[in-house]
Amino acid sequence: AKAVKEDEFSGEILPELGSAVLVEPINAAGAFPCFNATKGQFDNAEKINGEALAEMIKTRGGKTTHKGCAQCIINCSNEFVDKKGKYVTSSLEYETIWSMGGMIGNDDLDIIAKLDFMCDDIGLDTMSTGVAVAVAMDAGYKKFGDGRAAIEMVEEVASGTDFGKIIGNGPAAVGKHFNHERVPVIKGQSIAAYDPRALQGMAVTYATTPMGGDHTAGEIHSCTWPPSTQWESATLPKPVWRLRAEWKMFTPWFPPNPENPSEKMTGGHWAAGC
C-alpha cells in the first residue's frame, strides 16, 4: 500500500486525473479510434482528456480522487456534475470518454457524461453502445459529432423502438441493418479504446480471446513509433511525460530528458505489457 501511494502515477496522477489520463498518450500513439475507427487520432482530444475533465469537475464543484472501488486505495474515480453543480454520473472513465467521444466525433464532455448516465440507467455497456452509434453515423444515419442525435439513439433503446433494439444489440447488428461494411467488431464484440492497427499486441488479444474485442483478456501493447511520417516532428503531450518510466506500458513515450518535455520523439519499435 505504501508503494502504491508513493508512486507518482498511482499515488498522484491517477487520483488527480483518473483513467482519462490515457486519452493523450493513446491518442498520441495513433491508437485512439475515432469517427468509427476511420482515424486513430482525435484532433480535439485536449477537450476531453484527463486534465480537461478534472478541471471541469473541480470548477463546477464535483469530486475527483473519489473512491470508486471499495477495497482500492488509488481512488481514481470521480463525480461529474453539470454546470449547476448537479450530479450527473460517476465515474466518467477513459473507455466511455473514447466511445461516446472520439468514436462518434464528439468533443463535449457534458454530452459524454449524459450518455454515460443513460447507459448506466438503462443497463447498457457504454463501449458497445458508443461503437453502435458510431457505425450508424458512419452509415449516414446521422452526422458525426451530433451529440443530440447520439442521445436520441440511446433514448430509443430505452423506449424499445425497432431501431432502439438494433442499437441495443450492438454494432454488429447496426452494421447488418444498414448493410454497412465498416463495422469495428471482432467475433461480434466491439473493439475497445485501443486501435489494434497501432497497438499490434492488442490485435493478438482481440484475435485470440473467445470474447473477441476484449482488452481485459490481455492488455498487451506494441507499436512502431512514429506511426506515420507526420509524427517525425511530434512532441510529447504534457500528461504523457508526467507518467513514470517504471510504468512499463508507457516507458517508450518518454523523452531522453524528462526535465525537458519539448524534446522531440525518436523512432524505434517497442513492445510492453501491463
Protein backbone atom coordinates (compact mmCIF):
# COMPACT_ATOMS: atom_id res chain seq x y z
CA ALA A 1 0.00 0.00 0.00
CA LYS A 2 2.83 2.37 0.82
CA ALA A 3 4.49 1.75 -2.54
CA VAL A 4 1.22 2.42 -4.37
CA LYS A 5 0.68 5.69 -2.53
CA GLU A 6 4.27 6.85 -3.01
CA ASP A 7 4.33 6.06 -6.73
CA GLU A 8 3.81 9.18 -8.85
CA PHE A 9 1.37 7.53 -11.24
CA SER A 10 -0.81 5.55 -8.82
CA GLY A 11 -0.40 7.97 -5.92
CA GLU A 12 -0.74 11.31 -7.70
CA ILE A 13 -1.69 11.21 -11.38
CA LEU A 14 -4.46 8.60 -11.29
CA PRO A 15 -6.22 10.14 -8.26
CA GLU A 16 -6.00 13.59 -9.87
CA LEU A 17 -6.92 12.77 -13.47
CA GLY A 18 -8.45 9.30 -13.31
CA SER A 19 -8.26 6.80 -16.15
CA ALA A 20 -8.94 9.70 -18.54
CA VAL A 21 -5.20 10.37 -18.30
CA LEU A 22 -4.91 7.72 -21.02
CA VAL A 23 -6.61 9.89 -23.64
CA GLU A 24 -3.50 11.90 -24.54
CA PRO A 25 -0.89 9.12 -24.73
CA ILE A 26 -3.15 6.70 -26.59
CA ASN A 27 -4.18 9.46 -28.98
CA ALA A 28 -0.55 10.48 -29.46
CA ALA A 29 0.30 6.91 -30.45
CA GLY A 30 -2.37 6.97 -33.14
CA ALA A 31 -4.30 4.30 -31.26
CA PHE A 32 -7.41 6.27 -30.25
CA PRO A 33 -10.12 5.02 -32.66
CA CYS A 34 -12.38 7.85 -33.73
CA PHE A 35 -15.06 8.53 -36.32
CA ASN A 36 -15.95 4.83 -36.31
CA ALA A 37 -12.28 3.88 -36.33
CA THR A 38 -11.60 5.62 -39.63
CA LYS A 39 -8.89 7.60 -37.82
CA GLY A 40 -6.53 6.81 -34.97
CA GLN A 41 -6.17 10.34 -33.66
CA PHE A 42 -8.82 12.77 -32.48
CA ASP A 43 -7.94 16.39 -33.25
CA ASN A 44 -9.96 17.69 -30.30
CA ALA A 45 -8.60 15.23 -27.74
CA GLU A 46 -7.47 18.08 -25.50
CA LYS A 47 -11.14 18.94 -24.89
CA ILE A 48 -11.91 15.51 -23.43
CA ASN A 49 -8.60 14.46 -21.87
CA GLY A 50 -7.87 13.88 -18.19
CA GLU A 51 -6.79 17.42 -17.45
CA ALA A 52 -9.85 18.94 -19.14
CA LEU A 53 -12.13 16.56 -17.26
CA ALA A 54 -10.51 17.21 -13.87
CA GLU A 55 -10.59 20.97 -14.37
CA MET A 56 -14.27 20.92 -15.33
CA ILE A 57 -15.20 18.74 -12.37
CA LYS A 58 -13.33 20.91 -9.86
CA THR A 59 -14.60 24.19 -11.32
CA ARG A 60 -18.20 23.01 -11.03
CA GLY A 61 -17.85 21.64 -7.52
CA GLY A 62 -17.69 17.96 -8.39
CA LYS A 63 -15.22 15.49 -6.98
CA THR A 64 -12.00 13.89 -8.20
CA THR A 65 -9.91 11.46 -6.13
CA HIS A 66 -13.11 9.58 -5.43
CA LYS A 67 -13.29 6.00 -4.13
CA GLY A 68 -14.91 4.03 -6.91
CA CYS A 69 -13.94 0.57 -5.68
CA ALA A 70 -14.46 -0.35 -2.03
CA GLN A 71 -11.09 -2.03 -1.42
CA CYS A 72 -8.93 0.14 -3.69
CA ILE A 73 -6.59 2.77 -2.24
CA ILE A 74 -5.88 4.62 -5.51
CA ASN A 75 -9.23 6.48 -5.63
CA CYS A 76 -9.13 7.30 -9.35
CA SER A 77 -12.90 7.67 -9.67
CA ASN A 78 -14.78 10.97 -9.95
CA GLU A 79 -18.21 12.53 -9.59
CA PHE A 80 -19.19 14.53 -12.67
CA VAL A 81 -21.65 17.38 -12.16
CA ASP A 82 -23.38 19.71 -14.61
CA LYS A 83 -22.97 23.49 -14.90
CA LYS A 84 -25.32 23.99 -11.95
CA GLY A 85 -23.37 21.59 -9.77
CA LYS A 86 -25.99 18.83 -10.03
CA TYR A 87 -24.74 15.25 -10.03
CA VAL A 88 -24.72 13.56 -13.44
CA THR A 89 -22.63 10.40 -13.29
CA SER A 90 -19.79 8.57 -11.60
CA SER A 91 -17.26 7.66 -12.71
CA LEU A 92 -16.53 9.11 -16.14
CA GLU A 93 -13.79 6.77 -17.35
CA TYR A 94 -11.40 6.54 -20.29
CA GLU A 95 -13.31 3.88 -22.21
CA THR A 96 -16.57 5.84 -22.08
CA ILE A 97 -14.84 9.10 -22.97
CA TRP A 98 -13.49 7.28 -26.02
CA SER A 99 -16.69 5.50 -27.10
CA MET A 100 -19.02 8.45 -26.55
CA GLY A 101 -16.36 10.99 -27.51
CA GLY A 102 -13.80 10.39 -30.22
CA MET A 103 -15.50 7.32 -31.65
CA ILE A 104 -18.59 9.35 -32.56
CA GLY A 105 -16.65 12.57 -33.25
CA ASN A 106 -17.95 14.30 -30.12
CA ASP A 107 -15.74 16.61 -28.04
CA ASP A 108 -18.37 17.70 -25.48
CA LEU A 109 -17.78 16.24 -22.01
CA ASP A 110 -21.32 17.13 -20.94
CA ILE A 111 -22.76 15.04 -23.77
CA ILE A 112 -20.40 12.19 -22.89
CA ALA A 113 -21.47 12.34 -19.23
CA LYS A 114 -25.15 12.40 -20.21
CA LEU A 115 -24.70 9.33 -22.41
CA ASP A 116 -22.80 7.58 -19.61
CA PHE A 117 -25.66 8.22 -17.19
CA MET A 118 -28.23 6.99 -19.70
CA CYS A 119 -26.35 3.76 -20.36
CA ASP A 120 -25.98 3.13 -16.63
CA ASP A 121 -29.67 3.84 -16.11
CA ILE A 122 -30.82 1.60 -18.97
CA GLY A 123 -28.26 -1.12 -18.36
CA LEU A 124 -26.11 -0.77 -21.48
CA ASP A 125 -22.39 -1.19 -21.98
CA THR A 126 -21.04 2.24 -22.91
CA MET A 127 -18.32 0.85 -25.17
CA SER A 128 -20.59 -1.35 -27.28
CA THR A 129 -23.28 1.33 -27.40
CA GLY A 130 -20.87 4.06 -28.44
CA VAL A 131 -19.49 1.92 -31.24
CA ALA A 132 -23.05 1.05 -32.33
CA VAL A 133 -23.86 4.77 -32.55
CA ALA A 134 -20.61 5.35 -34.46
CA VAL A 135 -21.50 2.68 -37.03
CA ALA A 136 -24.94 4.26 -37.52
CA MET A 137 -23.33 7.67 -38.04
CA ASP A 138 -20.76 6.24 -40.44
CA ALA A 139 -23.58 4.61 -42.41
CA GLY A 140 -25.14 8.05 -42.88
CA TYR A 141 -27.99 7.77 -40.37
CA LYS A 142 -26.73 10.85 -38.50
CA LYS A 143 -23.66 13.08 -38.71
CA PHE A 144 -20.51 12.51 -36.69
CA GLY A 145 -20.24 14.91 -33.78
CA ASP A 146 -24.01 15.26 -33.36
CA GLY A 147 -24.31 14.72 -29.62
CA ARG A 148 -28.05 15.31 -29.59
CA ALA A 149 -28.51 12.59 -32.20
CA ALA A 150 -26.44 10.18 -30.09
CA ILE A 151 -28.65 10.88 -27.08
CA GLU A 152 -31.77 10.31 -29.17
CA MET A 153 -30.47 6.95 -30.38
CA VAL A 154 -29.84 5.79 -26.81
CA GLU A 155 -33.27 7.11 -25.80
CA GLU A 156 -34.73 4.85 -28.47
CA VAL A 157 -33.13 1.87 -26.75
CA ALA A 158 -34.91 2.83 -23.53
CA SER A 159 -38.19 3.30 -25.40
CA GLY A 160 -37.91 -0.08 -27.08
CA THR A 161 -38.41 1.16 -30.63
CA ASP A 162 -37.42 -1.08 -33.53
CA PHE A 163 -34.31 0.98 -34.20
CA GLY A 164 -33.59 1.18 -30.48
CA LYS A 165 -33.49 -2.61 -30.35
CA ILE A 166 -30.94 -2.60 -33.16
CA ILE A 167 -28.70 -0.11 -31.34
CA GLY A 168 -29.14 -2.08 -28.12
CA ASN A 169 -27.95 -5.24 -29.84
CA GLY A 170 -24.61 -3.61 -30.59
CA PRO A 171 -22.53 -2.51 -33.58
CA ALA A 172 -22.69 -5.81 -35.46
CA ALA A 173 -26.49 -5.57 -35.55
CA VAL A 174 -26.30 -1.93 -36.66
CA GLY A 175 -23.88 -2.81 -39.45
CA LYS A 176 -26.16 -5.59 -40.65
CA HIS A 177 -29.20 -3.29 -40.56
CA PHE A 178 -27.53 -0.66 -42.76
CA ASN A 179 -25.59 -3.21 -44.82
CA HIS A 180 -22.52 -1.20 -43.85
CA GLU A 181 -19.09 -2.69 -44.43
CA ARG A 182 -17.09 -0.73 -41.84
CA VAL A 183 -18.05 -2.35 -38.53
CA PRO A 184 -15.22 -2.43 -35.94
CA VAL A 185 -16.03 -5.70 -34.20
CA ILE A 186 -14.14 -8.94 -33.61
CA LYS A 187 -16.26 -12.07 -33.20
CA GLY A 188 -19.28 -9.81 -32.88
CA GLN A 189 -17.79 -7.82 -29.99
CA SER A 190 -16.94 -4.15 -30.46
CA ILE A 191 -13.30 -3.14 -30.25
CA ALA A 192 -12.10 -1.36 -27.14
CA ALA A 193 -10.41 2.04 -26.93
CA TYR A 194 -7.11 0.71 -28.27
CA ASP A 195 -6.74 0.55 -32.04
CA PRO A 196 -5.17 -2.80 -32.98
CA ARG A 197 -3.67 -1.26 -36.11
CA ALA A 198 -1.41 0.92 -33.98
CA LEU A 199 -1.10 -1.42 -30.98
CA GLN A 200 -0.43 -4.77 -32.59
CA GLY A 201 -0.27 -6.55 -29.25
CA MET A 202 -3.93 -5.74 -28.76
CA ALA A 203 -4.66 -7.22 -32.18
CA VAL A 204 -3.34 -10.56 -30.92
CA THR A 205 -5.55 -10.32 -27.84
CA TYR A 206 -8.62 -9.41 -29.87
CA ALA A 207 -7.98 -12.29 -32.27
CA THR A 208 -7.29 -15.00 -29.69
CA THR A 209 -9.73 -14.35 -26.85
CA PRO A 210 -13.15 -16.03 -27.12
CA MET A 211 -14.70 -12.63 -26.35
CA GLY A 212 -13.27 -11.00 -29.48
CA GLY A 213 -12.69 -7.27 -29.00
CA ASP A 214 -11.96 -7.56 -25.28
CA HIS A 215 -8.97 -5.60 -23.98
CA THR A 216 -9.31 -7.09 -20.49
CA ALA A 217 -8.33 -10.54 -21.79
CA GLY A 218 -4.73 -9.39 -22.19
CA GLU A 219 -3.79 -5.73 -22.41
CA ILE A 220 -0.55 -6.07 -24.34
CA HIS A 221 0.73 -3.15 -26.35
CA SER A 222 3.21 -2.90 -29.18
CA CYS A 223 3.66 -0.39 -31.96
CA THR A 224 6.18 1.37 -34.12
CA TRP A 225 6.94 4.99 -33.30
CA PRO A 226 6.33 7.25 -35.06
CA PRO A 227 3.15 5.69 -36.54
CA SER A 228 3.49 7.85 -39.67
CA THR A 229 5.82 10.43 -41.21
CA GLN A 230 3.68 13.26 -39.86
CA TRP A 231 4.97 12.37 -36.40
CA GLU A 232 8.63 12.96 -37.16
CA SER A 233 8.45 16.38 -35.52
CA ALA A 234 5.90 15.44 -32.86
CA THR A 235 6.42 16.43 -29.25
CA LEU A 236 5.03 14.76 -26.17
CA PRO A 237 1.74 15.93 -24.66
CA LYS A 238 2.06 17.02 -21.03
CA PRO A 239 0.21 14.05 -19.46
CA VAL A 240 2.48 11.60 -21.27
CA TRP A 241 5.83 12.73 -19.95
CA ARG A 242 4.37 13.01 -16.46
CA LEU A 243 3.88 9.25 -16.31
CA ARG A 244 6.65 7.35 -14.56
CA ALA A 245 9.07 5.43 -16.73
CA GLU A 246 8.67 2.47 -14.38
CA TRP A 247 5.11 2.05 -15.61
CA LYS A 248 6.07 -0.25 -18.46
CA MET A 249 3.16 0.44 -20.74
CA PHE A 250 4.33 3.97 -21.46
CA THR A 251 8.08 3.71 -20.96
CA PRO A 252 8.87 4.27 -24.68
CA TRP A 253 6.94 7.53 -24.75
CA PHE A 254 9.38 9.37 -22.51
CA PRO A 255 11.81 11.92 -23.95
CA PRO A 256 15.53 11.41 -23.39
CA ASN A 257 15.39 14.21 -20.83
CA PRO A 258 12.20 14.14 -18.69
CA GLU A 259 13.05 17.63 -17.45
CA ASN A 260 12.57 18.95 -20.99
CA PRO A 261 9.23 17.61 -22.33
CA SER A 262 9.56 19.67 -25.52
CA GLU A 263 12.30 17.38 -26.82
CA LYS A 264 11.28 15.51 -29.96
CA MET A 265 10.49 11.82 -30.07
CA THR A 266 12.91 9.40 -31.62
CA GLY A 267 11.83 6.43 -33.70
CA GLY A 268 12.09 2.78 -32.82
CA HIS A 269 9.98 -0.25 -32.06
CA TRP A 270 8.71 -1.07 -28.62
CA ALA A 271 6.60 -3.72 -27.00
CA ALA A 272 5.47 -3.83 -23.40
CA GLY A 273 2.64 -5.25 -21.37
CA CYS A 274 0.98 -4.45 -18.08
